[in-house]
Amino acid sequence: MARREKTHSQDSEFVEKLVHINRVAKVVKGGRRFGFAALVVVGDQKGRVGFGKGKAREVPEAIRKGTEAATKNMIRVPLREGRTLHHDVHGRHGAGKVMLRAAEPGTGIIAGGPMRAVFEGLGVQDVVTKSIGSSNPYNMVRATFDALTKQRSPRQIAAKRGKKVSEIIHRRTGRSLRENEVVKAAPGEEAAKAASVPEKQEKKADQKKNAPKAEVKKETGPKSKETNATKAKTATKKTADKKPAAKKKALAEKKPEAKKAE
C-alpha cells in the first residue's frame, strides 16, 4: 500500500501522527492471511516524542497498538527557546542517514514525510533537515530519533564540565556573557574605556594595513650576474696585457747574449 500521513487526535495531552501503513501477508497452510502494520509518532509538543509500531488484522487495531508502543518509548529533547534545536546534529540507523540543523525564527519545519511528523509531535517550529540515505520510513524515523538523543543543552554541558553557562555560551559578537556583564556594570568612564578597547584594536589593524611599505633596493639576479661577468673580463685583459711584456723582455735579454757568442 502506498505511504500516507495522517493526524489522529484524542482528548489526552498527546498528539498522534500516523506516519505509514503497510499491508503484510502471512503464508499459512490454507493460503495467505493479510494484516496491516502501522507506524505511529506520539508527542506532547513540549519536548517529548516517541514512535511505535503495531500489527493487526484491521487498521484501527494496528494504530491503537502503535500508539501504545509509542507512549511507552518516549524521549525528552532539550529545545532552544522552545522552538528549535540547540545545535546541528547527524543521525543514522541502518541505511538511513539524516542531518538536522537549527534555524532562525520564521523558518518553519523544512522536512519531508516521516521526519515532519516527528518534529510536529515534538513541538519544534523552526528546523532544517535533510535525508541523505534510505527513504524507508522506519529507517528515517529511527535515524531522526538517534539524532535527537544526541542533543545537549548548554546547562547539561556546563554541569558535565563543572562550569557556568555564561562561560560556555558566546554571543555572535564573540564575547562571552561575563565580558558583556562587566561592560554593562562598569560605571561612567570605565564603561567608556571598556567599550573603546575593541575600537582601538580595529584602528590599529587598519593603520597596519594602510601603512606604506618601505622600499628596499636589492640587486636582482641578472644584474649581479652581469657585474660578475664584467669583473672576469677585466681580469682576463690585465693578464693578457702582462704576457706580451714578459715575452719582449725575454727576447731583449737573449739578443745580446747571441751577439757576444758571435
Foldseek 3Di string as FASTA:
>chain_A
DDWDKDWDDDPDLKTKIWQGKDKDWDQDDVGIQIKIKTKMKIANLQFKIFIAIAIDRDDVRRSVRGVVRGVVDMDGFDDDVSAWAPAKWWFFDDFKIKIKGTDDPPQADADDGLVVNRCVRRNHGGIHMDIDTDPPNVGNNRRSVRRRVPGDDLVRVCVVVVHDSQVPDDDPVRDTPVLVVVLVPDDDPVNVVSVCVVVVVVVVVVCVVPPDDDDDDDDDDVVVVVVVVVVVVVVVVVVVVVVVVVVVVVVVVVVVVVVVVD
